């Protein structure tokens, strides 16, 4: 007779990201008693979705039996499985059982036959050892053209894999990208900004406004054209609170195509929200950025006082 644990294991194969995440959470609570079954899933002929979910559950449980399951899967052809295995192995690099994890992750990072995004994920997992410890490896890979922007590439892979993940998981990715963007060099910062735009575009396709605050910030702070993902997100899920940041960006803009994109996003928000010139944000825009308001077609008509009649003057 199937047990509740059996039912949770079955749910790891669900097409619903919410169902899978719920099963992972409950199996994590079960803890060590669920490890053997989870290891079986990673080794059996289960779908890549189920195997990746099982690896994630093992990572959260933290039992060293999970490490043995992860090591053979570090080079799995499925990106989702490989990334989940890397995350699981990475959780052990600083522990007393971490020698094998460090060796295998290092070998993966330098393996030029593997995709750059996977190699970068392995290198990122090793950073838990500390900058001084992995300095020789970082220096060795610093001239590798495939890895120049590999961390953003790895994040793109994470976004693709997480396309159906719970929205909170995508929000975590947006926050992580923000932090990496702040710490990056000038060249890398542009790459991270593009990846953040991809994350916003994905959220918009799912109809989510969970990261709308970050979308507004991006337009408020933009001194150059933003990647297309930001514009698509604003047009798709932006609301009245996005109008002033877009107008501010338009007022600073020099690029004709960027201005056109901003005007298009502004118009889409107006249409979807059925907003009129009476909206508070639009009134502020008309006063603060009259040129932008005129370009957006929401400028307030000027009112001229009709001349008083001769009789009235007398």
Protein backbone atom coordinates (compact mmCIF):
# COMPACT_ATOMS: atom_id res chain seq x y z
CA UNK A 1 0.00 0.00 0.00
CA UNK A 2 1.47 3.39 -1.02
CA UNK A 3 2.66 5.54 1.87
CA UNK A 4 2.49 9.34 2.13
CA UNK A 5 6.21 9.36 1.33
CA UNK A 6 5.52 7.42 -1.87
CA UNK A 7 2.98 10.02 -2.89
CA UNK A 8 5.52 12.81 -2.35
CA UNK A 9 8.12 10.99 -4.43
CA UNK A 10 5.57 10.66 -7.24
CA UNK A 11 4.84 14.39 -7.06
CA UNK A 12 8.47 15.17 -7.92
CA UNK A 13 7.53 14.29 -11.52
CA UNK A 14 4.57 16.68 -11.60
CA UNK A 15 4.27 19.22 -14.41
CA UNK A 16 3.23 21.74 -11.76
CA UNK A 17 6.18 23.62 -10.24
CA UNK A 18 4.05 24.39 -7.18
CA UNK A 19 3.31 20.69 -6.64
CA UNK A 20 6.98 19.78 -7.00
CA UNK A 21 8.11 22.51 -4.63
CA UNK A 22 5.53 21.45 -2.06
CA UNK A 23 6.74 17.84 -2.29
CA UNK A 24 10.36 18.95 -1.92
CA UNK A 25 9.47 20.97 1.18
CA UNK A 26 7.62 18.08 2.81
CA UNK A 27 10.37 15.58 1.98
CA UNK A 28 12.88 18.00 3.51
CA UNK A 29 10.89 17.91 6.72
CA UNK A 30 10.92 14.09 6.65
CA UNK A 31 14.70 14.41 6.36
CA UNK A 32 17.06 11.43 6.63
CA UNK A 33 14.19 8.93 6.37
CA UNK A 34 13.51 10.13 2.83
CA UNK A 35 17.12 10.08 1.59
CA UNK A 36 17.26 6.49 0.28
CA UNK A 37 14.09 6.97 -1.78
CA UNK A 38 15.36 10.27 -3.17
CA UNK A 39 18.68 8.69 -4.12
CA UNK A 40 16.75 5.98 -5.96
CA UNK A 41 14.97 8.65 -8.01
CA UNK A 42 18.27 10.23 -9.07
CA UNK A 43 19.58 6.86 -10.27
CA UNK A 44 16.43 5.41 -11.82
CA UNK A 45 14.95 6.09 -15.22
CA UNK A 46 12.93 9.00 -13.87
CA UNK A 47 12.35 12.16 -15.89
CA UNK A 48 14.97 14.95 -15.72
CA UNK A 49 12.38 17.04 -13.86
CA UNK A 50 12.01 14.41 -11.12
CA UNK A 51 15.75 13.81 -10.86
CA UNK A 52 16.49 17.52 -10.51
CA UNK A 53 13.76 17.86 -7.88
CA UNK A 54 15.14 14.88 -5.95
CA UNK A 55 18.63 16.42 -5.99
CA UNK A 56 17.21 19.69 -4.69
CA UNK A 57 15.49 17.86 -1.84
CA UNK A 58 18.73 16.07 -1.01
CA UNK A 59 20.57 19.39 -0.98
CA UNK A 60 18.11 20.81 1.53
CA UNK A 61 18.25 17.72 3.75
CA UNK A 62 22.05 17.85 3.83
CA UNK A 63 22.68 14.14 4.39
CA UNK A 64 26.08 13.05 3.05
CA UNK A 65 24.43 10.18 1.16
CA UNK A 66 23.18 12.86 -1.17
CA UNK A 67 26.74 13.76 -2.15
CA UNK A 68 27.38 10.24 -3.46
CA UNK A 69 24.25 10.58 -5.59
CA UNK A 70 25.29 13.99 -6.94
CA UNK A 71 28.85 13.27 -8.08
CA UNK A 72 27.98 10.99 -11.03
CA UNK A 73 25.40 13.54 -12.22
CA UNK A 74 27.68 16.59 -12.38
CA UNK A 75 28.16 15.97 -16.09
CA UNK A 76 24.58 14.92 -16.84
CA UNK A 77 23.50 16.04 -20.34
CA UNK A 78 20.36 17.63 -18.94
CA UNK A 79 21.21 21.15 -17.74
CA UNK A 80 18.61 21.11 -14.96
CA UNK A 81 19.94 17.87 -13.51
CA UNK A 82 23.57 19.00 -13.82
CA UNK A 83 22.87 22.33 -12.10
CA UNK A 84 20.97 20.64 -9.27
CA UNK A 85 23.83 18.14 -8.83
CA UNK A 86 26.37 21.00 -8.77
CA UNK A 87 24.35 22.82 -6.11
CA UNK A 88 24.15 19.63 -4.02
CA UNK A 89 27.89 18.90 -4.34
CA UNK A 90 28.65 22.54 -3.59
CA UNK A 91 26.88 22.25 -0.25
CA UNK A 92 29.61 19.82 0.88
CA UNK A 93 32.82 21.51 -0.32
CA UNK A 94 33.63 22.92 3.11
CA UNK A 95 32.75 19.80 5.09
CA UNK A 96 34.89 16.84 6.06
CA UNK A 97 33.40 14.84 3.19
CA UNK A 98 34.08 17.58 0.67
CA UNK A 99 37.35 16.40 -0.92
CA UNK A 100 35.56 14.42 -3.62
CA UNK A 101 33.18 17.31 -4.27
CA UNK A 102 36.05 19.78 -4.64
CA UNK A 103 37.95 17.48 -6.98
CA UNK A 104 34.96 16.77 -9.23
CA UNK A 105 33.78 20.40 -9.32
CA UNK A 106 37.29 21.59 -10.17
CA UNK A 107 37.54 19.04 -12.97
CA UNK A 108 34.18 20.21 -14.30
CA UNK A 109 35.20 23.87 -14.17
CA UNK A 110 38.26 23.28 -16.36
CA UNK A 111 36.57 20.83 -18.75
CA UNK A 112 36.41 22.75 -22.04
CA UNK A 113 34.07 20.16 -23.52
CA UNK A 114 31.29 21.19 -21.15
CA UNK A 115 29.00 24.23 -21.71
CA UNK A 116 30.37 27.46 -20.27
CA UNK A 117 27.29 27.91 -18.11
CA UNK A 118 27.82 24.54 -16.42
CA UNK A 119 31.54 25.22 -15.92
CA UNK A 120 30.73 28.60 -14.41
CA UNK A 121 28.21 27.03 -12.04
CA UNK A 122 30.90 24.60 -10.85
CA UNK A 123 33.35 27.46 -10.31
CA UNK A 124 30.68 29.40 -8.46
CA UNK A 125 30.03 26.41 -6.15
CA UNK A 126 33.74 26.30 -5.29
CA UNK A 127 33.67 29.93 -4.13
CA UNK A 128 32.33 28.69 -0.81
CA UNK A 129 35.96 27.67 -0.10
CA UNK A 130 37.01 31.31 0.00
CA UNK A 131 38.75 33.60 -2.49
CA UNK A 132 42.27 32.69 -1.32
CA UNK A 133 41.70 28.96 -1.71
CA UNK A 134 40.38 29.08 -5.26
CA UNK A 135 42.62 31.94 -6.44
CA UNK A 136 44.89 29.63 -8.50
CA UNK A 137 41.86 28.15 -10.26
CA UNK A 138 40.36 31.57 -10.94
CA UNK A 139 43.68 32.79 -12.35
CA UNK A 140 43.96 29.71 -14.52
CA UNK A 141 40.54 30.33 -15.99
CA UNK A 142 40.79 34.12 -16.23
CA UNK A 143 42.02 33.99 -19.84
CA UNK A 144 39.51 31.39 -20.93
CA UNK A 145 37.33 33.19 -23.53
CA UNK A 146 34.47 30.77 -22.92
CA UNK A 147 34.34 31.76 -19.28
CA UNK A 148 34.76 35.50 -19.63
CA UNK A 149 31.06 36.07 -19.07
CA UNK A 150 30.30 32.55 -17.96
CA UNK A 151 28.60 33.48 -14.70
CA UNK A 152 25.93 35.50 -16.52
CA UNK A 153 25.60 32.58 -18.94
CA UNK A 154 25.15 30.22 -16.00
CA UNK A 155 22.47 32.49 -14.59
CA UNK A 156 20.68 32.46 -17.93
CA UNK A 157 20.64 28.68 -17.74
CA UNK A 158 19.20 28.88 -14.23
CA UNK A 159 16.47 31.21 -15.46
CA UNK A 160 15.61 28.84 -18.32
CA UNK A 161 15.52 25.86 -15.98
CA UNK A 162 13.39 27.81 -13.48
CA UNK A 163 10.87 28.95 -16.09
CA UNK A 164 8.08 27.04 -14.32
CA UNK A 165 9.47 27.35 -10.81
CA UNK A 166 7.53 29.12 -8.03
CA UNK A 167 7.54 32.88 -8.49
CA UNK A 168 9.41 33.30 -5.22
CA UNK A 169 12.30 31.31 -6.71
CA UNK A 170 12.43 33.71 -9.66
CA UNK A 171 12.36 36.68 -7.29
CA UNK A 172 15.37 35.20 -5.49
CA UNK A 173 17.15 35.02 -8.84
CA UNK A 174 16.39 38.69 -9.56
CA UNK A 175 17.79 39.68 -6.15
CA UNK A 176 20.91 37.59 -6.71
CA UNK A 177 21.48 39.19 -10.11
CA UNK A 178 21.17 42.66 -8.55
CA UNK A 179 23.88 41.84 -6.04
CA UNK A 180 26.22 40.40 -8.66
CA UNK A 181 25.59 43.36 -10.91
CA UNK A 182 26.63 45.80 -8.18
CA UNK A 183 29.86 43.90 -7.52
CA UNK A 184 30.78 43.34 -11.19
CA UNK A 185 33.25 45.19 -13.38
CA UNK A 186 31.91 47.66 -15.92
CA UNK A 187 31.94 45.15 -18.79
CA UNK A 188 30.38 42.40 -16.69
CA UNK A 189 27.77 44.78 -15.28
CA UNK A 190 26.27 45.23 -18.74
CA UNK A 191 26.01 41.46 -19.09
CA UNK A 192 24.32 41.10 -15.70
CA UNK A 193 21.89 43.88 -16.59
CA UNK A 194 20.88 41.96 -19.71
CA UNK A 195 20.36 38.79 -17.67
CA UNK A 196 18.21 40.72 -15.18
CA UNK A 197 16.13 41.90 -18.11
CA UNK A 198 15.66 38.27 -19.17
CA UNK A 199 14.41 37.43 -15.67
CA UNK A 200 11.92 40.30 -15.79
CA UNK A 201 10.71 39.26 -19.23
CA UNK A 202 10.07 35.74 -17.91
CA UNK A 203 8.12 37.09 -14.93
CA UNK A 204 6.08 39.24 -17.29
CA UNK A 205 5.25 36.23 -19.49
CA UNK A 206 3.90 34.59 -16.37
CA UNK A 207 1.88 37.70 -15.58
CA UNK A 208 3.70 38.36 -12.31
CA UNK A 209 4.39 41.75 -10.70
CA UNK A 210 6.40 40.22 -7.85
CA UNK A 211 9.57 42.12 -8.91
CA UNK A 212 7.88 45.28 -10.14
CA UNK A 213 9.85 47.37 -7.61
CA UNK A 214 13.09 46.33 -9.33
CA UNK A 215 11.64 47.11 -12.74
CA UNK A 216 10.79 50.65 -11.59
CA UNK A 217 14.27 51.08 -10.14
CA UNK A 218 15.84 50.06 -13.44
CA UNK A 219 14.01 52.80 -15.35
CA UNK A 220 14.61 55.38 -12.64
CA UNK A 221 18.35 54.73 -12.70
CA UNK A 222 18.79 54.20 -16.43
CA UNK A 223 21.34 56.54 -18.01
CA UNK A 224 21.50 54.48 -21.22
CA UNK A 225 19.08 52.22 -23.08
CA UNK A 226 18.04 49.17 -21.07
CA UNK A 227 18.02 45.65 -22.54
CA UNK A 228 14.82 44.68 -24.33
CA UNK A 229 13.66 42.45 -21.46
CA UNK A 230 12.95 45.46 -19.25
CA UNK A 231 10.83 47.16 -21.89
CA UNK A 232 8.92 43.96 -22.60
CA UNK A 233 8.26 43.50 -18.88
CA UNK A 234 7.07 47.08 -18.44
CA UNK A 235 4.75 46.75 -21.41
CA UNK A 236 3.48 43.38 -20.18
CA UNK A 237 2.89 43.89 -16.45
CA UNK A 238 3.79 47.49 -15.66
CA UNK A 239 1.21 49.64 -13.90
CA UNK A 240 0.70 53.33 -13.13
CA UNK A 241 3.62 53.30 -10.68
CA UNK A 242 5.96 52.64 -13.62
CA UNK A 243 4.89 55.69 -15.63
CA UNK A 244 6.99 58.30 -13.82
CA UNK A 245 10.20 56.22 -13.99
CA UNK A 246 9.60 55.69 -17.71
CA UNK A 247 8.99 59.40 -18.22
CA UNK A 248 12.16 60.23 -16.30
CA UNK A 249 14.14 57.83 -18.50
CA UNK A 250 12.60 59.42 -21.60
CA UNK A 251 13.57 62.90 -20.43
CA UNK A 252 17.21 61.77 -20.09
CA UNK A 253 17.26 59.74 -23.30
CA UNK A 254 19.25 60.75 -26.37
CA UNK A 255 18.82 57.62 -28.46
CA UNK A 256 15.86 57.85 -30.82
CA UNK A 257 15.09 54.12 -30.75
CA UNK A 258 15.26 54.05 -26.94
CA UNK A 259 12.77 56.91 -26.80
CA UNK A 260 10.49 55.03 -29.15
CA UNK A 261 10.69 51.91 -26.98
CA UNK A 262 9.88 53.93 -23.85
CA UNK A 263 6.91 55.57 -25.54
CA UNK A 264 5.64 52.14 -26.60
CA UNK A 265 5.89 50.77 -23.05
CA UNK A 266 4.17 53.87 -21.67
CA UNK A 267 1.33 53.50 -24.18
CA UNK A 268 0.90 49.79 -23.37
CA UNK A 269 0.57 50.53 -19.65
CA UNK A 270 -1.94 53.30 -20.33
CA UNK A 271 -4.04 51.05 -22.54
CA UNK A 272 -3.99 48.00 -20.29
CA UNK A 273 -4.75 50.04 -17.16
CA UNK A 274 -7.34 52.20 -18.95
CA UNK A 275 -5.60 55.25 -17.55
CA UNK A 276 -6.52 58.80 -18.49
CA UNK A 277 -4.96 62.22 -18.08
CA UNK A 278 -6.76 62.47 -14.76
CA UNK A 279 -4.44 59.86 -13.27
CA UNK A 280 -2.24 61.36 -10.54
CA UNK A 281 0.99 59.99 -12.06
CA UNK A 282 0.16 61.40 -15.47
CA UNK A 283 -0.59 64.83 -13.99
CA UNK A 284 2.82 64.78 -12.31
CA UNK A 285 4.50 63.81 -15.56
CA UNK A 286 2.78 66.66 -17.42
CA UNK A 287 4.12 69.12 -14.85
CA UNK A 288 7.62 67.72 -14.37
CA UNK A 289 8.47 66.40 -17.86
CA UNK A 290 6.22 68.32 -20.28
CA UNK A 291 8.25 67.25 -23.33
CA UNK A 292 7.84 63.59 -22.39
CA UNK A 293 4.14 64.10 -21.71
CA UNK A 294 3.72 65.64 -25.13
CA UNK A 295 5.59 62.77 -26.79
CA UNK A 296 3.41 60.28 -24.92
CA UNK A 297 0.26 62.13 -25.93
CA UNK A 298 -0.78 62.96 -22.38
CA UNK A 299 0.23 66.62 -22.14
CA UNK A 300 -2.27 68.94 -20.49
CA UNK A 301 -3.75 71.38 -23.00
CA UNK A 302 -2.69 74.94 -22.25
CA UNK A 303 -5.49 77.20 -21.21
CA UNK A 304 -5.50 80.81 -22.36
CA UNK A 305 -7.66 83.35 -20.54
CA UNK A 306 -10.09 84.93 -22.98
CA UNK A 307 -9.75 88.73 -23.25
CA UNK A 308 -12.20 90.63 -21.15
CA UNK A 309 -14.79 92.70 -22.93
CA UNK A 310 -14.46 96.50 -23.14
CA UNK A 311 -17.52 96.87 -20.91
CA UNK A 312 -15.99 94.62 -18.26
CA UNK A 313 -12.74 96.62 -18.31
CA UNK A 314 -14.65 99.80 -17.76
